[in-house]
Amino acid sequence: MIRLRSGAHTEGSESGDARETEQTEAKRDGKLGRQSDLAEPETKDVPMKSHGDTRNINSDANLTGDSKSTPSADSNSFKYTKGSHEGLFSPWLWLCLKTVGWAVFIVYICVPTLVKTNPWIQGSIVFFNILRWPPFVDFTRPQDLGLNATRNLYLEHHNVRLGVWQVLPVSMAKGHLPSDNYFEQALGDIKPIVLYLHGNSGTRAAWHRVQLYKRLALMDYHVVIVDYRGYADSSGSPTEEGVIQDARFVYNWVKARSKDAPVYIWGHSLGTAITTKLASCLCKEGTPPTGVILESAFTNIREAAVNHPFSRPYTRLPGYDWIFLDTLDANNIYFESDKSIGDITVPLLMLHAEDDIIVPIQLGEKLYKIAQKHRPKGNPVEFISFAGSRGYGHKHIHMAPYLDVILRDFIL
C-alpha cells in the first residue's frame, strides 16, 4: 500500500527530492505512522483468532501505533478474559461447599453430642422458660397491656414465689382499679372462674394469651393466670413435678375463695399435660374441677418431641431415641397425659387447629380416643377441630369467631 501511494506521487512528476522532503514532513507530522498502519500486518504480529474484548484491545492498540501494548494469543490479559467465568464461580462454589460441610457437622455431630452429654439441655428445651417474651414487661402493671380490671399478686409455697394475674369479668370491672379486698371477694361471686395454665416459653404477658384473657372477661368469666416457677417473675426452676405443684397450689387458692362458683381448668400446649395430671389427681381425691378444657393437647412428651419441627432433622438419625428421647427420662420429664386422662371424670372439651405444626392434630385426636375409651360412661368428652384454612395454628384459636358459642355450651 505504501508502494501505491508512492506511485501516485511519481505520476505527479514529482522529483526524488520532493518525495524525500514529503516523507520527512510526513514523519514529522505523524502521517507516516498512520499510513504504515494500513499496511498488511505480518501473521506473527496479529493473532489469527481473537475473541470478545481481545479483538477490540488489538484494534485499539493498532490505532495507537504502540506495538508493545498489543497482547499476543498467550498473553495474561487474553487468558483472563477467556477464563473469567471460572474465576467467578470457583471461589463461590468452594465457599458453599465449606458452609454446607460445617452446617452438617454442627447439626448432626455437635448438637447430638451436646444433648447426650448434657441432659439438662433437653429439660431447658422442654420448658424453654429462658424465652421471656415479650421483653421489658412490668408484670405489676397489666393495665399496660390493656387488662384494665386486672391485678398482679404473688403467692408463695414451699419457698417458691409465683406471679399471678386475676382478671375480673366485664360486669364487675370499674372505672378505676379496685382494691385487693374487692378482688378477693369477687371470686366468691357465682360467675364461672377459669384457671389458665399456659404452655412452654414466654410469660403470662404473651400477646395471644392476653387476647384470650380479654375474650373470656368479655364473656363475663373470672380469669386467673399463673407463671410457673422459673417463668417471668416467678422464682425457682421448672420441673415436671414442680410445675404441677404450682398449678395445684393456685387451684387450691382459687377454690378457697370461690365458694359455690364453678371452677374450670384450661390448659394450652404443655399446659394441657399439667392440666390433665392435676385434674386426674383432683378427681381421684374427690375435689374435682367443674370441667377441663385442653387446647392443642398431646399424648406424652416423647411423642410430642418426635413430632416437633425441631426434631425433624434428627428423627432418621441412628440412635435418635437414645440420644434425644432417653435424655427426657434422665430429666424425669414424661408428661404422660395418655395415662392420666382416663381418670378425669368431669366434662372434657378438647380444641385443636388442623394447621398446628407444633403439636399436630393427630396427637390431639389420639388422646381424644384414649379419653373416650377409658373415661367412665356418661362423662361427656368433646373434640372440636378448626379448619386449617383459618390459620389459627398452634396458639390463635382465641381468634375463632364462634369460640364464644363453643364455650357457652360447655361452661355453665
Protein backbone atom coordinates (compact mmCIF):
# COMPACT_ATOMS: atom_id res chain seq x y z
CA MET A 1 0.00 0.00 0.00
CA ILE A 2 2.85 2.35 0.67
CA ARG A 3 4.19 1.48 -2.72
CA LEU A 4 0.91 2.50 -4.42
CA ARG A 5 0.82 5.82 -2.64
CA SER A 6 4.44 6.38 -3.72
CA GLY A 7 3.45 5.55 -7.29
CA ALA A 8 0.73 8.17 -7.22
CA HIS A 9 3.33 10.80 -6.40
CA THR A 10 5.53 9.58 -9.27
CA GLU A 11 2.71 10.14 -11.79
CA GLY A 12 2.52 13.68 -10.47
CA SER A 13 6.09 14.18 -11.88
CA GLU A 14 7.48 14.98 -8.54
CA SER A 15 11.26 14.76 -8.18
CA GLY A 16 13.04 12.37 -5.81
CA ASP A 17 14.00 15.29 -3.64
CA ALA A 18 10.39 16.34 -3.39
CA ARG A 19 9.34 12.88 -2.36
CA GLU A 20 12.11 12.73 0.20
CA THR A 21 11.06 16.10 1.57
CA GLU A 22 7.41 14.99 1.70
CA GLN A 23 8.28 11.79 3.56
CA THR A 24 10.35 13.77 6.04
CA GLU A 25 7.44 16.11 6.68
CA ALA A 26 5.02 13.18 6.95
CA LYS A 27 7.17 11.55 9.59
CA ARG A 28 7.32 14.81 11.44
CA ASP A 29 3.51 15.17 11.40
CA GLY A 30 2.92 11.51 12.30
CA LYS A 31 1.30 10.73 8.95
CA LEU A 32 3.72 8.06 8.00
CA GLY A 33 2.86 6.15 11.17
CA ARG A 34 -0.80 6.17 10.17
CA GLN A 35 -0.01 5.07 6.66
CA SER A 36 2.12 2.19 7.89
CA ASP A 37 -0.86 1.02 9.96
CA LEU A 38 -2.71 0.50 6.69
CA ALA A 39 -0.12 -1.95 5.56
CA GLU A 40 -0.96 -5.63 5.86
CA PRO A 41 0.43 -6.86 9.21
CA GLU A 42 2.59 -9.89 9.43
CA THR A 43 0.93 -13.03 10.73
CA LYS A 44 3.24 -13.32 13.69
CA ASP A 45 2.30 -9.85 14.98
CA VAL A 46 -1.52 -10.20 14.96
CA PRO A 47 -3.30 -13.26 16.30
CA MET A 48 -5.25 -15.19 13.69
CA LYS A 49 -8.03 -15.90 16.18
CA SER A 50 -9.47 -13.36 18.60
CA HIS A 51 -12.47 -13.32 20.93
CA GLY A 52 -14.60 -10.67 22.54
CA ASP A 53 -12.70 -7.92 24.22
CA THR A 54 -9.36 -9.19 22.93
CA ARG A 55 -10.25 -8.17 19.39
CA ASN A 56 -11.12 -4.65 20.48
CA ILE A 57 -7.97 -4.40 22.51
CA ASN A 58 -5.89 -5.37 19.45
CA SER A 59 -7.71 -2.86 17.25
CA ASP A 60 -7.17 -0.06 19.72
CA ALA A 61 -3.54 -0.98 20.03
CA ASN A 62 -3.05 -0.85 16.24
CA LEU A 63 -4.68 2.56 16.06
CA THR A 64 -2.28 3.91 18.62
CA GLY A 65 0.69 2.50 16.81
CA ASP A 66 2.17 1.15 20.02
CA SER A 67 3.33 -2.38 19.24
CA LYS A 68 4.25 -3.08 22.86
CA SER A 69 0.63 -2.82 24.05
CA THR A 70 -0.71 -5.42 21.58
CA PRO A 71 -1.34 -8.66 23.50
CA SER A 72 -0.46 -11.98 21.95
CA ALA A 73 -2.66 -15.10 21.97
CA ASP A 74 -0.91 -16.46 25.06
CA SER A 75 -0.78 -13.17 26.96
CA ASN A 76 -2.11 -12.89 30.51
CA SER A 77 -4.85 -10.46 29.53
CA PHE A 78 -6.21 -12.85 26.93
CA LYS A 79 -6.20 -15.74 29.40
CA TYR A 80 -8.01 -13.65 32.00
CA THR A 81 -10.77 -12.76 29.54
CA LYS A 82 -11.16 -16.32 28.37
CA GLY A 83 -11.26 -17.79 31.90
CA SER A 84 -13.21 -15.02 33.64
CA HIS A 85 -16.24 -17.27 34.33
CA GLU A 86 -14.06 -19.85 36.02
CA GLY A 87 -12.61 -17.18 38.26
CA LEU A 88 -16.07 -16.06 39.33
CA PHE A 89 -17.66 -19.42 40.12
CA SER A 90 -14.87 -21.45 41.64
CA PRO A 91 -14.42 -19.44 44.89
CA TRP A 92 -18.18 -19.25 45.45
CA LEU A 93 -18.63 -22.95 44.87
CA TRP A 94 -15.84 -23.69 47.32
CA LEU A 95 -17.37 -21.36 49.91
CA CYS A 96 -20.78 -23.04 49.55
CA LEU A 97 -19.26 -26.48 49.99
CA LYS A 98 -17.44 -25.40 53.13
CA THR A 99 -20.60 -23.78 54.54
CA VAL A 100 -22.69 -26.89 53.92
CA GLY A 101 -19.98 -29.07 55.42
CA TRP A 102 -19.81 -27.02 58.61
CA ALA A 103 -23.61 -26.93 58.88
CA VAL A 104 -23.82 -30.72 58.61
CA PHE A 105 -21.05 -31.11 61.17
CA ILE A 106 -22.74 -28.79 63.67
CA VAL A 107 -26.28 -30.15 63.18
CA TYR A 108 -25.53 -33.85 63.06
CA ILE A 109 -22.38 -34.15 65.17
CA CYS A 110 -22.11 -31.28 67.64
CA VAL A 111 -25.78 -30.93 68.63
CA PRO A 112 -26.43 -34.64 69.32
CA THR A 113 -23.17 -34.89 71.25
CA LEU A 114 -24.04 -31.87 73.40
CA VAL A 115 -27.56 -33.11 74.10
CA LYS A 116 -26.44 -36.59 75.08
CA THR A 117 -23.56 -35.47 77.28
CA ASN A 118 -25.59 -32.63 78.85
CA PRO A 119 -29.10 -33.95 79.60
CA TRP A 120 -30.11 -30.69 81.25
CA ILE A 121 -30.29 -29.16 77.76
CA GLN A 122 -33.37 -31.24 76.99
CA GLY A 123 -35.03 -30.01 80.16
CA SER A 124 -34.36 -26.42 79.15
CA ILE A 125 -35.80 -27.05 75.70
CA VAL A 126 -38.99 -28.65 77.02
CA PHE A 127 -39.83 -25.78 79.38
CA PHE A 128 -37.97 -23.10 77.38
CA ASN A 129 -38.53 -20.63 80.19
CA ILE A 130 -35.41 -18.73 79.15
CA LEU A 131 -37.51 -17.10 76.43
CA ARG A 132 -39.26 -14.31 78.31
CA TRP A 133 -41.41 -12.77 75.63
CA PRO A 134 -42.45 -10.06 75.34
CA PRO A 135 -39.39 -8.40 76.87
CA PHE A 136 -39.35 -5.43 79.25
CA VAL A 137 -42.81 -6.14 80.68
CA ASP A 138 -43.73 -4.69 84.03
CA PHE A 139 -45.85 -7.53 85.44
CA THR A 140 -47.08 -5.30 88.23
CA ARG A 141 -48.88 -3.20 85.60
CA PRO A 142 -51.09 -5.48 83.46
CA GLN A 143 -53.01 -2.32 82.54
CA ASP A 144 -50.18 -1.50 80.12
CA LEU A 145 -51.37 -4.48 78.06
CA GLY A 146 -54.99 -3.38 78.04
CA LEU A 147 -56.02 -5.52 81.03
CA ASN A 148 -57.66 -2.72 82.98
CA ALA A 149 -59.65 -4.74 85.54
CA THR A 150 -56.66 -6.89 86.47
CA ARG A 151 -54.43 -7.10 89.50
CA ASN A 152 -50.98 -8.59 89.92
CA LEU A 153 -50.21 -10.60 93.05
CA TYR A 154 -47.63 -13.05 94.34
CA LEU A 155 -48.38 -16.34 96.03
CA GLU A 156 -45.76 -18.32 97.93
CA HIS A 157 -45.49 -22.01 98.71
CA HIS A 158 -42.52 -24.25 99.53
CA ASN A 159 -40.09 -21.32 99.16
CA VAL A 160 -41.35 -20.57 95.65
CA ARG A 161 -42.93 -17.24 94.74
CA LEU A 162 -45.44 -17.35 91.89
CA GLY A 163 -46.52 -14.39 89.80
CA VAL A 164 -50.30 -14.37 89.28
CA TRP A 165 -52.84 -12.20 87.46
CA GLN A 166 -56.52 -12.04 88.34
CA VAL A 167 -58.84 -10.63 85.67
CA LEU A 168 -62.36 -9.55 86.62
CA PRO A 169 -65.45 -10.23 84.48
CA VAL A 170 -66.51 -7.22 82.41
CA SER A 171 -69.66 -6.76 84.51
CA MET A 172 -67.57 -6.35 87.69
CA ALA A 173 -64.97 -4.00 86.24
CA LYS A 174 -64.98 -0.42 87.48
CA GLY A 175 -63.70 2.82 86.11
CA HIS A 176 -60.73 2.56 88.43
CA LEU A 177 -58.64 -0.36 89.69
CA PRO A 178 -60.49 -1.89 92.66
CA SER A 179 -58.83 -2.75 95.95
CA ASP A 180 -57.28 -6.15 96.67
CA ASN A 181 -60.14 -6.87 99.03
CA TYR A 182 -62.63 -6.31 96.22
CA PHE A 183 -60.73 -8.79 94.02
CA GLU A 184 -60.71 -11.37 96.81
CA GLN A 185 -64.45 -11.12 97.38
CA ALA A 186 -65.19 -11.10 93.65
CA LEU A 187 -64.09 -14.72 93.29
CA GLY A 188 -66.97 -15.70 95.56
CA ASP A 189 -69.47 -14.49 93.01
CA ILE A 190 -71.45 -17.09 91.06
CA LYS A 191 -69.72 -16.25 87.80
CA PRO A 192 -67.51 -19.04 86.33
CA ILE A 193 -63.78 -18.97 87.07
CA VAL A 194 -61.18 -20.12 84.53
CA LEU A 195 -57.74 -21.10 85.81
CA TYR A 196 -55.46 -20.76 82.77
CA LEU A 197 -52.27 -22.86 82.58
CA HIS A 198 -50.10 -21.70 79.68
CA GLY A 199 -47.63 -23.65 77.58
CA ASN A 200 -43.85 -23.51 77.46
CA SER A 201 -41.85 -20.39 76.60
CA GLY A 202 -43.00 -16.85 77.07
CA THR A 203 -44.90 -15.48 80.05
CA ARG A 204 -48.44 -14.69 81.10
CA ALA A 205 -48.00 -11.44 79.18
CA ALA A 206 -47.65 -13.12 75.75
CA TRP A 207 -49.90 -11.44 73.18
CA HIS A 208 -52.03 -14.46 72.23
CA ARG A 209 -52.61 -15.25 75.91
CA VAL A 210 -53.63 -11.70 76.75
CA GLN A 211 -56.14 -11.76 73.88
CA LEU A 212 -57.72 -14.90 75.35
CA TYR A 213 -57.98 -13.32 78.83
CA LYS A 214 -59.76 -10.35 77.32
CA ARG A 215 -62.18 -12.54 75.44
CA LEU A 216 -63.02 -14.62 78.50
CA ALA A 217 -63.52 -11.47 80.57
CA LEU A 218 -65.90 -10.10 77.93
CA MET A 219 -67.88 -13.34 78.29
CA ASP A 220 -68.19 -12.37 81.96
CA TYR A 221 -65.81 -15.01 83.33
CA HIS A 222 -63.17 -14.61 86.02
CA VAL A 223 -59.68 -15.49 84.76
CA VAL A 224 -56.72 -16.46 86.97
CA ILE A 225 -53.31 -16.92 85.33
CA VAL A 226 -50.09 -18.20 86.88
CA ASP A 227 -46.49 -18.23 85.71
CA TYR A 228 -44.93 -21.48 86.92
CA ARG A 229 -41.66 -21.49 88.82
CA GLY A 230 -38.82 -20.18 86.69
CA TYR A 231 -41.14 -18.28 84.33
CA ALA A 232 -41.43 -14.50 84.17
CA ASP A 233 -41.18 -13.02 87.68
CA SER A 234 -41.69 -16.35 89.48
CA SER A 235 -38.75 -17.78 91.39
CA GLY A 236 -37.18 -21.23 91.14
CA SER A 237 -36.54 -23.58 88.22
CA PRO A 238 -39.17 -25.64 86.42
CA THR A 239 -39.50 -29.41 86.73
CA GLU A 240 -42.47 -31.62 85.84
CA GLU A 241 -43.34 -32.26 89.46
CA GLY A 242 -42.70 -28.62 90.39
CA VAL A 243 -44.98 -27.00 87.79
CA ILE A 244 -47.79 -29.42 88.68
CA GLN A 245 -47.39 -28.45 92.34
CA ASP A 246 -47.58 -24.77 91.35
CA ALA A 247 -50.80 -25.32 89.41
CA ARG A 248 -52.31 -27.30 92.27
CA PHE A 249 -51.43 -24.60 94.80
CA VAL A 250 -53.09 -21.85 92.73
CA TYR A 251 -56.14 -24.06 92.16
CA ASN A 252 -56.50 -24.58 95.90
CA TRP A 253 -56.11 -20.84 96.43
CA VAL A 254 -58.95 -20.19 93.97
CA LYS A 255 -61.20 -22.88 95.46
CA ALA A 256 -60.73 -21.43 98.94
CA ARG A 257 -62.30 -18.17 97.69
CA SER A 258 -64.72 -19.33 95.00
CA LYS A 259 -67.46 -20.62 97.34
CA ASP A 260 -70.08 -22.11 95.01
CA ALA A 261 -68.72 -20.61 91.78
CA PRO A 262 -67.80 -23.18 89.11
CA VAL A 263 -64.06 -23.53 88.50
CA TYR A 264 -62.69 -24.71 85.14
CA ILE A 265 -59.07 -25.51 84.30
CA TRP A 266 -57.88 -24.50 80.81
CA GLY A 267 -54.52 -25.80 79.62
CA HIS A 268 -52.71 -24.95 76.40
CA SER A 269 -49.92 -26.99 74.78
CA LEU A 270 -47.55 -28.06 77.57
CA GLY A 271 -50.21 -26.71 79.93
CA THR A 272 -52.57 -29.46 78.74
CA ALA A 273 -50.24 -32.08 80.25
CA ILE A 274 -50.12 -30.12 83.52
CA THR A 275 -53.91 -29.73 83.47
CA THR A 276 -54.51 -33.41 82.73
CA LYS A 277 -52.27 -34.56 85.57
CA LEU A 278 -53.74 -32.04 88.00
CA ALA A 279 -57.34 -32.83 87.10
CA SER A 280 -56.60 -36.56 87.35
CA CYS A 281 -55.29 -36.16 90.91
CA LEU A 282 -58.19 -33.90 91.94
CA CYS A 283 -60.77 -36.36 90.61
CA LYS A 284 -59.13 -39.22 92.48
CA GLU A 285 -59.17 -37.16 95.68
CA GLY A 286 -62.81 -36.20 95.35
CA THR A 287 -62.21 -32.47 94.80
CA PRO A 288 -62.55 -32.25 91.01
CA PRO A 289 -62.90 -29.04 89.00
CA THR A 290 -66.19 -28.30 87.27
CA GLY A 291 -64.70 -29.02 83.86
CA VAL A 292 -61.46 -29.25 81.86
CA ILE A 293 -60.52 -27.57 78.57
CA LEU A 294 -57.49 -28.82 76.63
CA GLU A 295 -56.19 -26.67 73.76
CA SER A 296 -53.59 -28.25 71.45
CA ALA A 297 -53.12 -31.34 73.59
CA PHE A 298 -50.69 -34.22 73.05
CA THR A 299 -50.41 -37.78 74.35
CA ASN A 300 -46.99 -37.71 76.06
CA ILE A 301 -43.77 -35.76 75.85
CA ARG A 302 -41.92 -38.41 73.82
CA GLU A 303 -44.48 -38.37 71.03
CA ALA A 304 -44.68 -34.60 71.18
CA ALA A 305 -40.89 -34.38 70.84
CA VAL A 306 -40.80 -36.72 67.83
CA ASN A 307 -43.44 -34.65 66.03
CA HIS A 308 -41.96 -31.26 66.88
CA PRO A 309 -40.47 -29.34 63.90
CA PHE A 310 -37.08 -29.06 65.66
CA SER A 311 -36.82 -32.86 65.75
CA ARG A 312 -37.40 -33.49 62.06
CA PRO A 313 -33.74 -33.23 61.02
CA TYR A 314 -32.88 -35.93 63.58
CA THR A 315 -35.71 -38.48 63.57
CA ARG A 316 -33.98 -40.62 60.91
CA LEU A 317 -30.65 -40.36 62.67
CA PRO A 318 -29.39 -43.71 64.04
CA GLY A 319 -29.77 -43.69 67.81
CA TYR A 320 -32.32 -40.87 67.82
CA ASP A 321 -34.29 -42.35 70.73
CA TRP A 322 -31.14 -42.99 72.74
CA ILE A 323 -29.72 -39.51 72.12
CA PHE A 324 -32.80 -37.30 72.36
CA LEU A 325 -35.71 -39.15 73.97
CA ASP A 326 -33.87 -41.05 76.68
CA THR A 327 -32.44 -37.77 77.93
CA LEU A 328 -36.03 -36.70 78.71
CA ASP A 329 -36.28 -39.66 81.07
CA ALA A 330 -32.97 -38.61 82.62
CA ASN A 331 -34.64 -35.28 83.49
CA ASN A 332 -37.73 -37.06 84.89
CA ILE A 333 -39.85 -35.42 82.19
CA TYR A 334 -42.72 -37.61 80.99
CA PHE A 335 -45.96 -35.58 80.87
CA GLU A 336 -47.99 -38.71 80.13
CA SER A 337 -51.46 -37.35 79.51
CA ASP A 338 -52.44 -40.62 77.84
CA LYS A 339 -52.05 -42.34 81.23
CA SER A 340 -53.88 -39.64 83.22
CA ILE A 341 -56.83 -38.62 81.07
CA GLY A 342 -58.80 -41.77 81.85
CA ASP A 343 -59.07 -40.68 85.50
CA ILE A 344 -60.76 -37.39 84.67
CA THR A 345 -64.42 -37.83 85.45
CA VAL A 346 -65.65 -34.29 84.78
CA PRO A 347 -66.79 -32.84 81.42
CA LEU A 348 -63.87 -32.51 79.00
CA LEU A 349 -63.56 -30.20 75.98
CA MET A 350 -60.67 -30.51 73.52
CA LEU A 351 -59.79 -27.82 70.96
CA HIS A 352 -57.26 -28.26 68.15
CA ALA A 353 -56.41 -26.48 64.89
CA GLU A 354 -55.79 -28.61 61.81
CA ASP A 355 -52.80 -26.48 60.79
CA ASP A 356 -50.99 -26.81 64.13
CA ILE A 357 -47.39 -27.72 63.24
CA ILE A 358 -46.05 -27.64 66.80
CA VAL A 359 -48.49 -30.22 68.16
CA PRO A 360 -50.06 -31.98 65.15
CA ILE A 361 -53.78 -32.55 65.40
CA GLN A 362 -53.18 -36.31 65.13
CA LEU A 363 -51.79 -36.27 68.68
CA GLY A 364 -54.89 -34.48 69.95
CA GLU A 365 -57.17 -36.93 68.17
CA LYS A 366 -55.23 -39.86 69.60
CA LEU A 367 -55.61 -38.50 73.14
CA TYR A 368 -59.32 -37.94 72.49
CA LYS A 369 -59.79 -41.59 71.52
CA ILE A 370 -57.96 -42.70 74.65
CA ALA A 371 -60.25 -40.50 76.75
CA GLN A 372 -63.32 -41.96 75.07
CA LYS A 373 -62.11 -45.47 75.72
CA HIS A 374 -61.09 -45.14 79.36
CA ARG A 375 -63.38 -42.48 80.82
CA PRO A 376 -66.41 -43.69 82.77
CA LYS A 377 -69.60 -43.90 80.74
CA GLY A 378 -71.87 -40.88 80.97
CA ASN A 379 -68.98 -38.40 81.23
CA PRO A 380 -69.03 -36.38 78.02
CA VAL A 381 -65.87 -35.61 76.07
CA GLU A 382 -65.95 -33.38 73.02
CA PHE A 383 -63.27 -32.76 70.38
CA ILE A 384 -63.61 -29.68 68.18
CA SER A 385 -61.22 -29.08 65.30
CA PHE A 386 -60.68 -25.80 63.47
CA ALA A 387 -60.10 -25.73 59.72
CA GLY A 388 -56.51 -25.17 58.67
CA SER A 389 -57.64 -22.58 56.14
CA ARG A 390 -58.40 -20.21 59.02
CA GLY A 391 -54.73 -20.08 60.00
CA TYR A 392 -55.12 -20.43 63.77
CA GLY A 393 -52.08 -22.69 64.02
CA HIS A 394 -50.78 -23.59 67.45
CA LYS A 395 -51.84 -20.62 69.53
CA HIS A 396 -54.51 -18.50 67.87
CA ILE A 397 -57.74 -20.42 68.43
CA HIS A 398 -58.74 -17.43 70.53
CA MET A 399 -59.42 -15.68 67.21
CA ALA A 400 -62.18 -18.09 66.18
CA PRO A 401 -65.39 -16.04 65.80
CA TYR A 402 -67.59 -18.88 67.08
CA LEU A 403 -65.43 -19.67 70.12
CA ASP A 404 -67.93 -17.86 72.34
CA VAL A 405 -70.68 -20.25 71.28
CA ILE A 406 -68.49 -23.29 71.95
CA LEU A 407 -67.54 -22.07 75.43
CA ARG A 408 -71.06 -21.05 76.45
CA ASP A 409 -72.27 -24.53 75.58
CA PHE A 410 -69.57 -26.05 77.77
CA ILE A 411 -69.17 -23.56 80.63
CA LEU A 412 -72.43 -23.38 82.59
